[in-house]
Amino acid sequence: MPRGGPRLRATNGKKNLVGERVEERRKEMQLTQAMLTARLAYVTEGNWNPTLQEVLHIEQGTRLVSDVEVVSLAEALGVKACWLLTGVME
């Protein structure tokens, strides 16, 4: 049985706030999900080798994303982590 109460979710019911912007930026850069997984492996020096399914679940908002993963996604996509989280450019 899981401990604690239900996990906090975005107002739209999704498990993360970054997924839509990850997909938006990936498409802007004309990257496939496979290309993004390769970039993530590169920027993390092989410490995170996400599967295509992981990227799909991040983009769909059905997977939690850690703070370390947000930073790596931002680096791989050439944006600031703040933008992935809030949608606000600084």
C-alpha atoms as a PDB file:
ATOM      1  CA  MET A   1       0.000   0.000   0.000  1.00  0.00           C
ATOM      2  CA  PRO A   2       1.441   3.430  -0.936  1.00  0.00           C
ATOM      3  CA  ARG A   3       2.422   5.777   1.856  1.00  0.00           C
ATOM      4  CA  GLY A   4       1.083   9.285   2.280  1.00  0.00           C
ATOM      5  CA  GLY A   5      -1.683  11.043   0.446  1.00  0.00           C
ATOM      6  CA  PRO A   6      -2.179  11.386  -3.265  1.00  0.00           C
ATOM      7  CA  ARG A   7       0.575  13.128  -5.227  1.00  0.00           C
ATOM      8  CA  LEU A   8       0.103  16.708  -6.286  1.00  0.00           C
ATOM      9  CA  ARG A   9      -0.819  17.129  -9.948  1.00  0.00           C
ATOM     10  CA  ALA A  10      -1.063  20.048 -12.340  1.00  0.00           C
ATOM     11  CA  THR A  11      -4.453  21.725 -12.677  1.00  0.00           C
ATOM     12  CA  ASN A  12      -5.028  19.741 -15.895  1.00  0.00           C
ATOM     13  CA  GLY A  13      -4.464  16.475 -13.998  1.00  0.00           C
ATOM     14  CA  LYS A  14      -1.047  15.773 -15.514  1.00  0.00           C
ATOM     15  CA  LYS A  15       1.945  14.578 -13.507  1.00  0.00           C
ATOM     16  CA  ASN A  16       4.340  17.225 -14.816  1.00  0.00           C
ATOM     17  CA  LEU A  17       4.335  20.795 -16.085  1.00  0.00           C
ATOM     18  CA  VAL A  18       7.183  20.409 -18.561  1.00  0.00           C
ATOM     19  CA  GLY A  19       5.886  17.801 -20.987  1.00  0.00           C
ATOM     20  CA  GLU A  20       4.021  20.084 -23.359  1.00  0.00           C
ATOM     21  CA  ARG A  21       6.966  22.476 -23.597  1.00  0.00           C
ATOM     22  CA  VAL A  22       9.431  19.592 -24.079  1.00  0.00           C
ATOM     23  CA  GLU A  23       7.370  18.411 -27.050  1.00  0.00           C
ATOM     24  CA  GLU A  24       6.940  21.956 -28.393  1.00  0.00           C
ATOM     25  CA  ARG A  25      10.669  22.711 -28.268  1.00  0.00           C
ATOM     26  CA  ARG A  26      11.649  19.276 -29.624  1.00  0.00           C
ATOM     27  CA  LYS A  27       9.429  19.852 -32.646  1.00  0.00           C
ATOM     28  CA  GLU A  28      10.752  23.416 -33.084  1.00  0.00           C
ATOM     29  CA  MET A  29      14.246  21.933 -33.264  1.00  0.00           C
ATOM     30  CA  GLN A  30      12.970  19.299 -35.702  1.00  0.00           C
ATOM     31  CA  LEU A  31      14.129  16.490 -33.423  1.00  0.00           C
ATOM     32  CA  THR A  32      12.549  13.077 -33.219  1.00  0.00           C
ATOM     33  CA  GLN A  33      12.027  11.526 -29.817  1.00  0.00           C
ATOM     34  CA  ALA A  34      14.938   9.189 -30.618  1.00  0.00           C
ATOM     35  CA  MET A  35      17.164  12.184 -31.329  1.00  0.00           C
ATOM     36  CA  LEU A  36      16.159  13.736 -28.009  1.00  0.00           C
ATOM     37  CA  THR A  37      17.015  10.544 -26.133  1.00  0.00           C
ATOM     38  CA  ALA A  38      20.475  10.616 -27.742  1.00  0.00           C
ATOM     39  CA  ARG A  39      20.970  14.259 -26.764  1.00  0.00           C
ATOM     40  CA  LEU A  40      19.916  13.477 -23.187  1.00  0.00           C
ATOM     41  CA  ALA A  41      22.417  10.626 -22.992  1.00  0.00           C
ATOM     42  CA  TYR A  42      25.099  12.984 -24.318  1.00  0.00           C
ATOM     43  CA  VAL A  43      24.408  15.928 -21.960  1.00  0.00           C
ATOM     44  CA  THR A  44      24.268  13.586 -18.948  1.00  0.00           C
ATOM     45  CA  GLU A  45      27.436  11.769 -20.023  1.00  0.00           C
ATOM     46  CA  GLY A  46      25.457   8.538 -20.224  1.00  0.00           C
ATOM     47  CA  ASN A  47      23.962   8.823 -16.745  1.00  0.00           C
ATOM     48  CA  TRP A  48      20.439   9.089 -18.147  1.00  0.00           C
ATOM     49  CA  ASN A  49      19.568   7.003 -21.183  1.00  0.00           C
ATOM     50  CA  PRO A  50      15.804   7.418 -21.415  1.00  0.00           C
ATOM     51  CA  THR A  51      13.772   5.113 -23.589  1.00  0.00           C
ATOM     52  CA  LEU A  52      11.474   6.419 -26.303  1.00  0.00           C
ATOM     53  CA  GLN A  53       8.589   5.437 -24.059  1.00  0.00           C
ATOM     54  CA  GLU A  54       9.951   7.574 -21.208  1.00  0.00           C
ATOM     55  CA  VAL A  55      10.145  10.615 -23.486  1.00  0.00           C
ATOM     56  CA  LEU A  56       6.629   9.906 -24.745  1.00  0.00           C
ATOM     57  CA  HIS A  57       5.303   9.699 -21.175  1.00  0.00           C
ATOM     58  CA  ILE A  58       7.096  12.920 -20.223  1.00  0.00           C
ATOM     59  CA  GLU A  59       5.570  14.710 -23.215  1.00  0.00           C
ATOM     60  CA  GLN A  60       2.119  13.307 -22.440  1.00  0.00           C
ATOM     61  CA  GLY A  61       2.413  14.376 -18.795  1.00  0.00           C
ATOM     62  CA  THR A  62       1.911  10.828 -17.511  1.00  0.00           C
ATOM     63  CA  ARG A  63       5.386  10.529 -15.933  1.00  0.00           C
ATOM     64  CA  LEU A  64       6.873  12.438 -13.043  1.00  0.00           C
ATOM     65  CA  VAL A  65      10.013  14.386 -13.925  1.00  0.00           C
ATOM     66  CA  SER A  66      12.702  15.020 -11.307  1.00  0.00           C
ATOM     67  CA  ASP A  67      14.466  18.333 -10.939  1.00  0.00           C
ATOM     68  CA  VAL A  68      17.692  16.800 -12.246  1.00  0.00           C
ATOM     69  CA  GLU A  69      15.821  15.558 -15.323  1.00  0.00           C
ATOM     70  CA  VAL A  70      14.316  19.027 -15.910  1.00  0.00           C
ATOM     71  CA  VAL A  71      17.809  20.532 -15.922  1.00  0.00           C
ATOM     72  CA  SER A  72      19.027  17.855 -18.371  1.00  0.00           C
ATOM     73  CA  LEU A  73      15.993  18.296 -20.628  1.00  0.00           C
ATOM     74  CA  ALA A  74      16.585  22.054 -20.683  1.00  0.00           C
ATOM     75  CA  GLU A  75      20.243  21.592 -21.619  1.00  0.00           C
ATOM     76  CA  ALA A  76      19.406  19.069 -24.352  1.00  0.00           C
ATOM     77  CA  LEU A  77      16.755  21.403 -25.774  1.00  0.00           C
ATOM     78  CA  GLY A  78      18.802  24.599 -25.480  1.00  0.00           C
ATOM     79  CA  VAL A  79      16.377  26.374 -23.151  1.00  0.00           C
ATOM     80  CA  LYS A  80      16.319  27.423 -19.511  1.00  0.00           C
ATOM     81  CA  ALA A  81      14.833  25.061 -16.945  1.00  0.00           C
ATOM     82  CA  CYS A  82      12.655  27.945 -15.760  1.00  0.00           C
ATOM     83  CA  TRP A  83      10.972  28.095 -19.167  1.00  0.00           C
ATOM     84  CA  LEU A  84      10.265  24.360 -19.126  1.00  0.00           C
ATOM     85  CA  LEU A  85       8.616  24.752 -15.723  1.00  0.00           C
ATOM     86  CA  THR A  86       6.710  27.990 -16.210  1.00  0.00           C
ATOM     87  CA  GLY A  87       6.634  28.850 -19.893  1.00  0.00           C
ATOM     88  CA  VAL A  88       8.069  32.282 -19.062  1.00  0.00           C
ATOM     89  CA  MET A  89      11.210  33.411 -20.860  1.00  0.00           C
ATOM     90  CA  GLU A  90      13.568  35.526 -18.818  1.00  0.00           C
END
